[in-house]
Amino acid sequence: MAYVIGSTCIDVKDGACQDVCPVESIYEGGRMMYIQPDECIDCGLCLSVCPVSAIYAQDELPEHERDFLRANAEFFGSSVTGWGSPGGADARHISTLDHPLVAGHKIPAPY
């Protein structure tokens, strides 16, 4: 079971999660960070430092965030980055691309 980054990361990309990930399984996309599910070791360190509470254990993902489970996995596939399982986030694995769910996500207007 991997951790999943949800919608509150969009347009934030704080990066604290990347800094603490011991296996470098968190990668930067255009508008948000993504966890490579095959590389995640389920340690939960990322969850503990996320300033916007965007990270969930897969089995605790709220219903309204379920599509992000698919988006995190598909981000690494051929239809978005084509990276597969790169083996660790580094300067070669930063993308301006996003999964279509994220690319088309509209942030609610402020009150």
C-alpha atoms as a PDB file:
ATOM      1  CA  MET A   1       0.000   0.000   0.000  1.00  0.00           C
ATOM      2  CA  ALA A   2       1.418   3.366  -1.041  1.00  0.00           C
ATOM      3  CA  TYR A   3       0.667   6.839   0.146  1.00  0.00           C
ATOM      4  CA  VAL A   4      -1.265   9.139  -2.180  1.00  0.00           C
ATOM      5  CA  ILE A   5      -1.035  12.893  -2.727  1.00  0.00           C
ATOM      6  CA  GLY A   6      -4.411  14.570  -3.129  1.00  0.00           C
ATOM      7  CA  SER A   7      -5.906  17.794  -4.412  1.00  0.00           C
ATOM      8  CA  THR A   8      -4.706  20.182  -1.714  1.00  0.00           C
ATOM      9  CA  CYS A   9      -1.165  19.854  -3.107  1.00  0.00           C
ATOM     10  CA  ILE A  10      -2.223  21.423  -6.404  1.00  0.00           C
ATOM     11  CA  ASP A  11      -0.408  24.732  -6.899  1.00  0.00           C
ATOM     12  CA  VAL A  12       1.373  24.380  -3.533  1.00  0.00           C
ATOM     13  CA  LYS A  13       4.262  21.917  -4.079  1.00  0.00           C
ATOM     14  CA  ASP A  14       5.861  22.744  -0.718  1.00  0.00           C
ATOM     15  CA  GLY A  15       8.496  20.027  -1.146  1.00  0.00           C
ATOM     16  CA  ALA A  16       8.836  19.091   2.541  1.00  0.00           C
ATOM     17  CA  CYS A  17       7.523  15.644   1.648  1.00  0.00           C
ATOM     18  CA  GLN A  18      10.309  15.173  -0.879  1.00  0.00           C
ATOM     19  CA  ASP A  19      12.929  16.252   1.643  1.00  0.00           C
ATOM     20  CA  VAL A  20      11.957  13.554   4.170  1.00  0.00           C
ATOM     21  CA  CYS A  21      11.240  10.636   1.826  1.00  0.00           C
ATOM     22  CA  PRO A  22      13.988   8.074   2.527  1.00  0.00           C
ATOM     23  CA  VAL A  23      13.552   6.351  -0.865  1.00  0.00           C
ATOM     24  CA  GLU A  24      12.933   9.486  -2.959  1.00  0.00           C
ATOM     25  CA  SER A  25       9.574   8.225  -4.238  1.00  0.00           C
ATOM     26  CA  ILE A  26       7.996  11.694  -4.454  1.00  0.00           C
ATOM     27  CA  TYR A  27       8.356  13.482  -7.777  1.00  0.00           C
ATOM     28  CA  GLU A  28       7.532  16.998  -8.906  1.00  0.00           C
ATOM     29  CA  GLY A  29       4.992  17.620 -11.627  1.00  0.00           C
ATOM     30  CA  GLY A  30       3.821  20.920 -13.066  1.00  0.00           C
ATOM     31  CA  ARG A  31       1.175  21.751 -10.444  1.00  0.00           C
ATOM     32  CA  MET A  32       1.671  19.141  -7.717  1.00  0.00           C
ATOM     33  CA  MET A  33       3.876  16.392  -6.328  1.00  0.00           C
ATOM     34  CA  TYR A  34       3.238  12.704  -7.100  1.00  0.00           C
ATOM     35  CA  ILE A  35       4.155   9.521  -5.219  1.00  0.00           C
ATOM     36  CA  GLN A  36       5.440   6.630  -7.343  1.00  0.00           C
ATOM     37  CA  PRO A  37       3.401   3.778  -5.784  1.00  0.00           C
ATOM     38  CA  ASP A  38       5.906   1.021  -6.606  1.00  0.00           C
ATOM     39  CA  GLU A  39       8.734   2.908  -4.900  1.00  0.00           C
ATOM     40  CA  CYS A  40       6.865   4.065  -1.773  1.00  0.00           C
ATOM     41  CA  ILE A  41       7.778   2.016   1.320  1.00  0.00           C
ATOM     42  CA  ASP A  42       4.786   3.200   3.393  1.00  0.00           C
ATOM     43  CA  CYS A  43       6.869   4.848   6.105  1.00  0.00           C
ATOM     44  CA  GLY A  44       4.506   7.826   6.508  1.00  0.00           C
ATOM     45  CA  LEU A  45       7.207  10.458   6.946  1.00  0.00           C
ATOM     46  CA  CYS A  46       5.735  12.509   4.097  1.00  0.00           C
ATOM     47  CA  LEU A  47       2.349  12.492   5.781  1.00  0.00           C
ATOM     48  CA  SER A  48       3.846  13.913   8.961  1.00  0.00           C
ATOM     49  CA  VAL A  49       5.371  16.993   7.297  1.00  0.00           C
ATOM     50  CA  CYS A  50       2.819  17.997   4.664  1.00  0.00           C
ATOM     51  CA  PRO A  51       1.704  21.556   5.523  1.00  0.00           C
ATOM     52  CA  VAL A  52      -1.594  21.243   3.605  1.00  0.00           C
ATOM     53  CA  SER A  53      -2.642  17.722   4.665  1.00  0.00           C
ATOM     54  CA  ALA A  54      -2.551  16.510   1.062  1.00  0.00           C
ATOM     55  CA  ILE A  55      -1.089  13.054   1.753  1.00  0.00           C
ATOM     56  CA  TYR A  56      -3.149  10.023   2.705  1.00  0.00           C
ATOM     57  CA  ALA A  57      -2.564   6.358   3.336  1.00  0.00           C
ATOM     58  CA  GLN A  58      -4.204   4.601   0.397  1.00  0.00           C
ATOM     59  CA  ASP A  59      -6.758   2.861   2.606  1.00  0.00           C
ATOM     60  CA  GLU A  60      -7.659   6.165   4.316  1.00  0.00           C
ATOM     61  CA  LEU A  61      -8.157   8.198   1.145  1.00  0.00           C
ATOM     62  CA  PRO A  62     -11.416  10.175   1.397  1.00  0.00           C
ATOM     63  CA  GLU A  63     -14.022   9.376  -1.229  1.00  0.00           C
ATOM     64  CA  HIS A  64     -13.697  12.825  -2.856  1.00  0.00           C
ATOM     65  CA  GLU A  65      -9.943  12.196  -3.352  1.00  0.00           C
ATOM     66  CA  ARG A  66     -10.233   8.665  -4.848  1.00  0.00           C
ATOM     67  CA  ASP A  67      -9.382   9.813  -8.378  1.00  0.00           C
ATOM     68  CA  PHE A  68      -5.965  10.908  -7.117  1.00  0.00           C
ATOM     69  CA  LEU A  69      -5.019   7.286  -6.439  1.00  0.00           C
ATOM     70  CA  ARG A  70      -5.215   6.684 -10.178  1.00  0.00           C
ATOM     71  CA  ALA A  71      -3.616  10.061 -11.006  1.00  0.00           C
ATOM     72  CA  ASN A  72      -0.543   9.364  -8.841  1.00  0.00           C
ATOM     73  CA  ALA A  73       0.023   5.983 -10.515  1.00  0.00           C
ATOM     74  CA  GLU A  74      -0.762   7.123 -14.064  1.00  0.00           C
ATOM     75  CA  PHE A  75       1.525  10.159 -13.807  1.00  0.00           C
ATOM     76  CA  PHE A  76       4.467   7.774 -14.228  1.00  0.00           C
ATOM     77  CA  GLY A  77       2.968   5.927 -17.206  1.00  0.00           C
ATOM     78  CA  SER A  78       3.499   6.480 -20.897  1.00  0.00           C
ATOM     79  CA  SER A  79       0.532   8.835 -21.258  1.00  0.00           C
ATOM     80  CA  VAL A  80       2.099  11.509 -19.007  1.00  0.00           C
ATOM     81  CA  THR A  81       5.830  11.267 -18.227  1.00  0.00           C
ATOM     82  CA  GLY A  82       6.681   7.742 -19.350  1.00  0.00           C
ATOM     83  CA  TRP A  83       9.082   7.409 -16.420  1.00  0.00           C
ATOM     84  CA  GLY A  84       7.757   4.105 -15.107  1.00  0.00           C
ATOM     85  CA  SER A  85       9.716   3.514 -11.903  1.00  0.00           C
ATOM     86  CA  PRO A  86      12.696   5.871 -12.193  1.00  0.00           C
ATOM     87  CA  GLY A  87      14.323   4.721  -8.957  1.00  0.00           C
ATOM     88  CA  GLY A  88      14.471   8.014  -7.110  1.00  0.00           C
ATOM     89  CA  ALA A  89      13.559  11.645  -7.586  1.00  0.00           C
ATOM     90  CA  ASP A  90      16.387  13.734  -8.971  1.00  0.00           C
ATOM     91  CA  ALA A  91      16.899  16.713 -11.272  1.00  0.00           C
ATOM     92  CA  ARG A  92      16.252  14.532 -14.337  1.00  0.00           C
ATOM     93  CA  HIS A  93      12.806  13.645 -13.014  1.00  0.00           C
ATOM     94  CA  ILE A  94      11.107  17.009 -12.595  1.00  0.00           C
ATOM     95  CA  SER A  95       8.261  17.623 -14.987  1.00  0.00           C
ATOM     96  CA  THR A  96       6.160  20.545 -16.126  1.00  0.00           C
ATOM     97  CA  LEU A  97       3.471  17.997 -17.031  1.00  0.00           C
ATOM     98  CA  ASP A  98       0.570  16.803 -14.893  1.00  0.00           C
ATOM     99  CA  HIS A  99      -1.989  14.041 -14.987  1.00  0.00           C
ATOM    100  CA  PRO A 100      -5.081  15.319 -16.888  1.00  0.00           C
ATOM    101  CA  LEU A 101      -7.081  15.307 -13.624  1.00  0.00           C
ATOM    102  CA  VAL A 102      -4.618  17.800 -12.142  1.00  0.00           C
ATOM    103  CA  ALA A 103      -4.005  19.807 -15.310  1.00  0.00           C
ATOM    104  CA  GLY A 104      -7.721  20.527 -15.621  1.00  0.00           C
ATOM    105  CA  HIS A 105      -8.353  21.077 -11.916  1.00  0.00           C
ATOM    106  CA  LYS A 106      -9.845  24.454 -11.137  1.00  0.00           C
ATOM    107  CA  ILE A 107      -9.078  26.059  -7.800  1.00  0.00           C
ATOM    108  CA  PRO A 108     -12.202  27.565  -6.185  1.00  0.00           C
ATOM    109  CA  ALA A 109     -12.300  31.345  -6.252  1.00  0.00           C
ATOM    110  CA  PRO A 110     -11.619  33.057  -2.905  1.00  0.00           C
ATOM    111  CA  TYR A 111     -14.584  34.561  -1.099  1.00  0.00           C
END
